[in-house]
Amino acid sequence: QVQLVESGGGLVQAGGSLRLSCAASGRTFNTMGWFRQAPGEEREFVGGDTWSGRATDYADSVKGRFTISRDNAKKTLYLQMNSLKPEDTAVYYCAGASTTRIVKTRGDYDYWGRGTQVTVSS
């Protein structure tokens, strides 16, 4: 059974940091990504990474503040979030895709986790 399980969300003050984790089981994915969805908004791409580590990409809104990393042995993807802003408040989702290139569209991902809530207070 394929599963993606996110953890690490919580409440943090503006300017603070959080690290999200996404543990994959059942299979490996060529590409994994982080998305987020705020209330009343569309789910948006945050960042993506190829499992080989050869490519990483981020949304403009998080560049320079968020960093994706991986532990291949643990099949775990991380999202380090620094300098958090209230507008980063959302449910953060991990997703896996079979493609070997980074994709930024929700429909390109085959598997999704259930999400973890991140709340940034001002």
Protein backbone atom coordinates (compact mmCIF):
# COMPACT_ATOMS: atom_id res chain seq x y z
CA GLN A 1 0.00 0.00 0.00
CA VAL A 2 1.39 3.36 -1.04
CA GLN A 3 1.32 6.00 1.66
CA LEU A 4 2.63 9.50 2.13
CA VAL A 5 2.45 10.77 5.69
CA GLU A 6 3.24 14.36 6.57
CA SER A 7 4.25 15.58 10.00
CA GLY A 8 5.80 18.61 11.65
CA GLY A 9 3.10 21.19 11.25
CA GLY A 10 2.04 23.48 14.05
CA LEU A 11 1.63 27.02 15.27
CA VAL A 12 4.56 29.41 14.99
CA GLN A 13 5.06 33.14 15.23
CA ALA A 14 5.96 35.19 12.21
CA GLY A 15 9.69 35.00 11.57
CA GLY A 16 9.90 31.53 13.04
CA SER A 17 10.75 28.18 11.49
CA LEU A 18 9.22 24.76 11.04
CA ARG A 19 10.40 21.59 9.37
CA LEU A 20 7.86 19.37 7.71
CA SER A 21 8.52 15.72 6.97
CA CYS A 22 6.92 13.39 4.45
CA ALA A 23 7.50 9.69 4.91
CA ALA A 24 6.84 7.55 1.86
CA SER A 25 6.06 3.85 1.98
CA GLY A 26 5.05 1.28 -0.57
CA ARG A 27 7.11 2.73 -3.42
CA THR A 28 9.58 5.40 -4.37
CA PHE A 29 8.72 8.36 -6.56
CA ASN A 30 10.87 9.94 -9.23
CA THR A 31 9.62 13.34 -8.21
CA MET A 32 8.09 14.59 -5.00
CA GLY A 33 6.55 17.92 -4.24
CA TRP A 34 5.06 20.06 -1.55
CA PHE A 35 1.81 21.92 -2.08
CA ARG A 36 -0.26 24.06 0.23
CA GLN A 37 -3.86 25.11 0.43
CA ALA A 38 -5.20 28.02 2.43
CA PRO A 39 -8.91 28.29 3.26
CA GLY A 40 -10.88 29.34 0.21
CA GLU A 41 -7.85 29.10 -2.03
CA GLU A 42 -6.63 26.68 -4.67
CA ARG A 43 -3.95 24.18 -3.80
CA GLU A 44 -0.67 25.66 -4.94
CA PHE A 45 2.80 24.35 -5.67
CA VAL A 46 5.40 25.18 -3.04
CA GLY A 47 8.42 23.21 -4.19
CA GLY A 48 9.51 20.00 -5.83
CA ASP A 49 12.50 17.71 -5.93
CA THR A 50 13.61 14.81 -8.07
CA TRP A 51 14.58 11.76 -6.05
CA SER A 52 17.97 11.72 -7.71
CA GLY A 53 18.56 15.16 -6.23
CA ARG A 54 19.49 16.63 -9.57
CA ALA A 55 16.75 19.22 -9.65
CA THR A 56 14.81 21.29 -7.15
CA ASP A 57 12.41 24.11 -7.80
CA TYR A 58 10.35 26.45 -5.66
CA ALA A 59 7.47 28.83 -5.98
CA ASP A 60 8.60 32.45 -6.13
CA SER A 61 6.75 33.19 -2.91
CA VAL A 62 8.98 30.84 -0.91
CA LYS A 63 12.32 31.08 -2.69
CA GLY A 64 15.10 31.91 -0.29
CA ARG A 65 12.99 30.92 2.72
CA PHE A 66 12.03 27.29 2.14
CA THR A 67 14.38 24.40 1.40
CA ILE A 68 13.60 20.86 0.31
CA SER A 69 15.87 18.00 1.30
CA ARG A 70 15.67 14.22 1.32
CA ASP A 71 16.84 11.20 3.23
CA ASN A 72 16.72 8.49 0.59
CA ALA A 73 17.45 5.72 3.06
CA LYS A 74 14.41 6.73 5.08
CA LYS A 75 12.33 7.58 2.00
CA THR A 76 11.58 10.87 3.64
CA LEU A 77 11.23 14.30 2.10
CA TYR A 78 11.63 17.42 4.21
CA LEU A 79 10.54 21.01 3.86
CA GLN A 80 12.51 23.44 6.00
CA MET A 81 10.54 26.65 6.33
CA ASN A 82 12.29 29.73 7.65
CA SER A 83 11.23 33.36 8.04
CA LEU A 84 7.62 32.28 8.09
CA LYS A 85 4.91 34.81 7.32
CA PRO A 86 1.21 34.82 8.19
CA GLU A 87 0.47 34.29 4.49
CA ASP A 88 2.26 30.93 4.69
CA THR A 89 -0.63 29.66 6.82
CA ALA A 90 -2.15 26.67 5.05
CA VAL A 91 -2.47 22.93 5.04
CA TYR A 92 0.71 21.55 3.54
CA TYR A 93 0.57 18.42 1.40
CA CYS A 94 3.23 16.08 0.18
CA ALA A 95 2.77 14.46 -3.22
CA GLY A 96 4.53 11.91 -5.37
CA ALA A 97 4.79 11.67 -9.15
CA SER A 98 6.21 9.16 -11.60
CA THR A 99 7.67 11.73 -13.93
CA THR A 100 11.42 12.32 -13.83
CA ARG A 101 11.11 16.07 -14.04
CA ILE A 102 9.71 18.56 -11.57
CA VAL A 103 6.08 19.29 -12.23
CA LYS A 104 4.06 22.02 -10.62
CA THR A 105 0.50 21.08 -11.46
CA ARG A 106 -1.68 19.22 -9.01
CA GLY A 107 -2.89 16.81 -11.70
CA ASP A 108 0.65 15.63 -12.44
CA TYR A 109 0.95 13.97 -9.05
CA ASP A 110 -0.33 10.45 -8.50
CA TYR A 111 -0.28 10.14 -4.73
CA TRP A 112 -1.00 12.57 -1.93
CA GLY A 113 -0.67 12.70 1.81
CA ARG A 114 -3.45 13.93 4.05
CA GLY A 115 -1.72 17.17 4.90
CA THR A 116 -0.41 18.92 7.98
CA GLN A 117 -1.60 22.29 9.23
CA VAL A 118 0.84 25.19 9.44
CA THR A 119 -0.37 28.33 11.18
CA VAL A 120 1.77 31.46 11.37
CA SER A 121 0.63 34.12 13.79
CA SER A 122 1.45 37.78 13.34
